[in-house]
Amino acid sequence: MFAIIIITLSSFAIAKILKKFAKNASPYLLFAIADILIGLLILGFAIYDFNTAVGEFAGILGEMVLLIGEPIVVVLLIIDAIAWNMSRENIKNKLYHTKPINKE
């Protein structure tokens, strides 16, 4: 549960920082980029731990982070894609179902 909260809040924080650099970008895109960055960091740490750890429990921390962190990142990306798709459909419905203005 703690990992879900940390990864989600980190994604929001990184997306907020990215918003300062790309003012016109979609918040869904920024969240997806932030989420992918976190996923790559998790993967990089896991690979680093696999290659550098020695001893009886070599690589166990990297494996734990990979097994816990990556599914959270993937689920957040799926939720972001669903929210983005629903937002697009709502915008399309508003554009196509507007009533014409009477000029009387």
Protein backbone atom coordinates (compact mmCIF):
# COMPACT_ATOMS: atom_id res chain seq x y z
CA MET A 1 0.00 0.00 0.00
CA PHE A 2 2.83 2.36 0.87
CA ALA A 3 4.51 1.71 -2.48
CA ILE A 4 1.31 2.59 -4.36
CA ILE A 5 1.04 5.92 -2.55
CA ILE A 6 4.71 6.79 -3.04
CA ILE A 7 4.76 5.95 -6.76
CA THR A 8 1.46 7.75 -7.44
CA LEU A 9 2.47 10.90 -5.56
CA SER A 10 5.87 10.84 -7.25
CA SER A 11 4.18 10.62 -10.65
CA PHE A 12 1.99 13.62 -9.82
CA ALA A 13 4.99 15.61 -8.56
CA ILE A 14 7.06 14.87 -11.68
CA ALA A 15 4.08 15.71 -13.90
CA LYS A 16 3.72 19.04 -12.08
CA ILE A 17 7.40 19.79 -12.69
CA LEU A 18 7.07 18.82 -16.37
CA LYS A 19 4.06 21.15 -16.67
CA LYS A 20 6.37 24.11 -16.02
CA PHE A 21 8.44 23.19 -19.09
CA ALA A 22 5.54 22.20 -21.38
CA LYS A 23 2.70 24.58 -20.58
CA ASN A 24 0.42 23.46 -23.44
CA ALA A 25 0.89 19.71 -22.97
CA SER A 26 -1.95 17.49 -21.86
CA PRO A 27 -1.88 16.53 -18.18
CA TYR A 28 -2.52 12.92 -19.22
CA LEU A 29 0.60 12.98 -21.40
CA LEU A 30 2.69 14.53 -18.63
CA PHE A 31 1.48 11.94 -16.12
CA ALA A 32 2.29 9.14 -18.57
CA ILE A 33 5.79 10.54 -19.15
CA ALA A 34 6.36 10.84 -15.39
CA ASP A 35 5.09 7.31 -14.87
CA ILE A 36 7.39 5.94 -17.57
CA LEU A 37 10.35 7.77 -16.00
CA ILE A 38 9.60 6.19 -12.64
CA GLY A 39 9.27 2.78 -14.30
CA LEU A 40 12.65 3.22 -15.98
CA LEU A 41 14.24 4.26 -12.69
CA ILE A 42 12.84 1.18 -10.99
CA LEU A 43 14.10 -1.03 -13.81
CA GLY A 44 17.52 0.64 -13.74
CA PHE A 45 17.85 0.14 -9.99
CA ALA A 46 16.81 -3.50 -10.29
CA ILE A 47 19.36 -4.18 -13.02
CA TYR A 48 22.05 -2.36 -11.01
CA ASP A 49 21.21 -4.43 -7.93
CA PHE A 50 21.25 -7.69 -9.90
CA ASN A 51 24.71 -6.93 -11.28
CA THR A 52 26.42 -5.50 -8.20
CA ALA A 53 25.01 -7.38 -5.23
CA VAL A 54 27.07 -10.18 -3.70
CA GLY A 55 26.36 -12.67 -1.00
CA GLU A 56 23.57 -14.99 -0.12
CA PHE A 57 20.74 -12.55 -0.86
CA ALA A 58 22.31 -11.05 -3.97
CA GLY A 59 19.81 -9.07 -5.99
CA ILE A 60 16.88 -9.64 -3.65
CA LEU A 61 16.22 -5.91 -3.18
CA GLY A 62 16.21 -5.32 -6.92
CA GLU A 63 13.86 -8.23 -7.41
CA MET A 64 11.50 -6.97 -4.70
CA VAL A 65 11.44 -3.46 -6.14
CA LEU A 66 10.86 -4.84 -9.62
CA LEU A 67 8.07 -7.18 -8.52
CA ILE A 68 6.30 -4.53 -6.46
CA GLY A 69 7.03 -1.32 -8.36
CA GLU A 70 6.61 -2.22 -12.02
CA PRO A 71 3.05 -3.59 -11.75
CA ILE A 72 2.04 -0.37 -9.99
CA VAL A 73 3.56 1.68 -12.82
CA VAL A 74 1.78 -0.41 -15.45
CA VAL A 75 -1.58 -0.11 -13.67
CA LEU A 76 -1.12 3.67 -13.40
CA LEU A 77 -0.38 3.84 -17.13
CA ILE A 78 -3.51 1.82 -17.91
CA ILE A 79 -5.64 4.07 -15.67
CA ASP A 80 -4.11 7.14 -17.34
CA ALA A 81 -4.92 5.76 -20.81
CA ILE A 82 -8.52 5.03 -19.79
CA ALA A 83 -8.95 8.50 -18.28
CA TRP A 84 -7.43 10.10 -21.38
CA ASN A 85 -9.75 8.13 -23.66
CA MET A 86 -12.81 9.08 -21.59
CA SER A 87 -11.72 12.72 -21.68
CA ARG A 88 -11.34 12.60 -25.46
CA GLU A 89 -14.80 11.09 -25.86
CA ASN A 90 -16.33 13.77 -23.63
CA ILE A 91 -14.67 16.50 -25.68
CA LYS A 92 -15.88 14.94 -28.93
CA ASN A 93 -19.43 14.67 -27.58
CA LYS A 94 -19.39 18.32 -26.53
CA LEU A 95 -18.11 19.42 -29.93
CA TYR A 96 -20.56 17.40 -32.00
CA HIS A 97 -23.63 17.80 -29.82
CA THR A 98 -23.66 21.54 -29.38
CA LYS A 99 -26.81 23.34 -30.35
CA PRO A 100 -26.56 25.99 -33.04
CA ILE A 101 -26.95 29.57 -31.93
CA ASN A 102 -30.21 31.22 -33.01
CA LYS A 103 -29.57 34.59 -34.55
CA GLU A 104 -32.96 36.21 -34.06
